[in-house]
Protein backbone atom coordinates (compact mmCIF):
# COMPACT_ATOMS: atom_id res chain seq x y z
CA MET A 1 -9.85 -7.75 53.38
CA LYS A 2 -12.78 -6.90 55.67
CA LYS A 3 -15.95 -5.60 54.06
CA ASN A 4 -18.24 -3.39 56.09
CA LYS A 5 -21.93 -4.09 55.76
CA TRP A 6 -24.05 -0.97 55.35
CA VAL A 7 -27.69 -0.78 56.40
CA LEU A 8 -30.55 1.61 55.77
CA PHE A 9 -30.62 3.88 58.78
CA TYR A 10 -33.12 6.63 58.00
CA LYS A 11 -35.57 7.73 55.30
CA THR A 12 -37.01 11.20 54.90
CA TYR A 13 -38.77 13.35 52.35
CA ASP A 14 -37.47 16.54 53.98
CA GLU A 15 -34.09 17.92 52.92
CA ILE A 16 -33.80 19.97 56.12
CA LYS A 17 -34.13 16.85 58.28
CA LEU A 18 -31.64 15.11 56.02
CA ASN A 19 -29.05 17.84 56.53
CA LYS A 20 -29.58 17.93 60.32
CA ILE A 21 -29.06 14.18 60.59
CA LYS A 22 -25.99 14.33 58.33
CA CYS A 23 -24.47 16.99 60.61
CA GLU A 24 -25.12 14.92 63.71
CA LEU A 25 -23.56 11.81 62.16
CA GLU A 26 -20.50 13.82 61.12
CA GLU A 27 -20.12 15.26 64.63
CA ILE A 28 -19.98 11.81 66.21
CA GLY A 29 -17.72 10.42 63.49
CA ILE A 30 -20.09 7.98 61.81
CA ALA A 31 -19.62 7.50 58.07
CA TYR A 32 -22.77 7.70 56.00
CA SER A 33 -23.98 7.57 52.44
CA VAL A 34 -27.07 9.32 51.11
CA VAL A 35 -29.10 7.91 48.26
CA ASN A 36 -31.35 10.47 46.60
CA LYS A 37 -34.47 8.73 45.34
CA LYS A 38 -36.33 11.99 44.70
CA ASP A 39 -37.70 12.77 41.28
CA THR A 40 -37.01 16.47 40.85
CA LEU A 41 -39.52 16.89 38.07
CA LEU A 42 -42.45 15.42 40.03
CA ASN A 43 -41.07 16.29 43.50
CA ILE A 44 -41.79 12.81 44.86
CA GLY A 45 -39.54 10.24 46.47
CA GLU A 46 -37.23 10.18 49.47
CA TYR A 47 -33.69 10.45 50.72
CA GLN A 48 -32.15 7.34 52.27
CA ILE A 49 -29.21 7.40 54.68
CA PHE A 50 -27.04 4.29 54.96
CA ILE A 51 -24.46 3.70 57.71
CA PRO A 52 -22.12 0.83 58.65
CA VAL A 53 -24.02 -1.77 60.66
CA GLU A 54 -21.54 -1.61 63.56
CA HIS A 55 -22.64 2.01 64.26
CA LEU A 56 -26.38 1.38 64.05
CA ILE A 57 -27.20 1.31 67.77
CA LYS A 58 -25.06 4.36 68.55
CA ALA A 59 -26.57 6.33 65.66
CA LYS A 60 -30.15 5.43 66.61
CA TYR A 61 -29.50 6.60 70.16
CA ILE A 62 -28.06 9.93 68.97
CA ILE A 63 -30.78 10.55 66.37
CA LYS A 64 -33.49 9.80 68.93
CA GLY A 65 -32.49 13.00 70.72
CA ILE A 66 -32.81 15.19 67.63
CA ASP A 67 -35.95 17.28 67.43
CA THR A 68 -35.95 17.88 63.70
CA ASP A 69 -39.30 19.67 63.91
CA ALA A 70 -37.73 22.42 66.04
CA ILE A 71 -34.97 23.43 63.64
CA PHE A 72 -36.43 26.88 62.99
CA ASN A 73 -37.82 27.50 66.48
C-alpha cells in the first residue's frame, strides 16, 4: 500500500484567501486538507493548507497567479 506524503502548502490568517485558494485547488484537481488553528474566542491563529507532495510544484505555480488582494475589485 502506497502512502502519500502531505506537506504544508500555504498559511493564511484570512478566510477569504483560504476559500479562493481552495477553489483554485479544486478546479485543477488537487486534493487538499485544511487545518484550522484559529482561536475563535481570541481571533488569533491561522489556517494551514496541506497537499500531497507530488502536486507541490504545480500548485505553487497556479497559486502564484492568484491575486487574492483583488477579490473584491
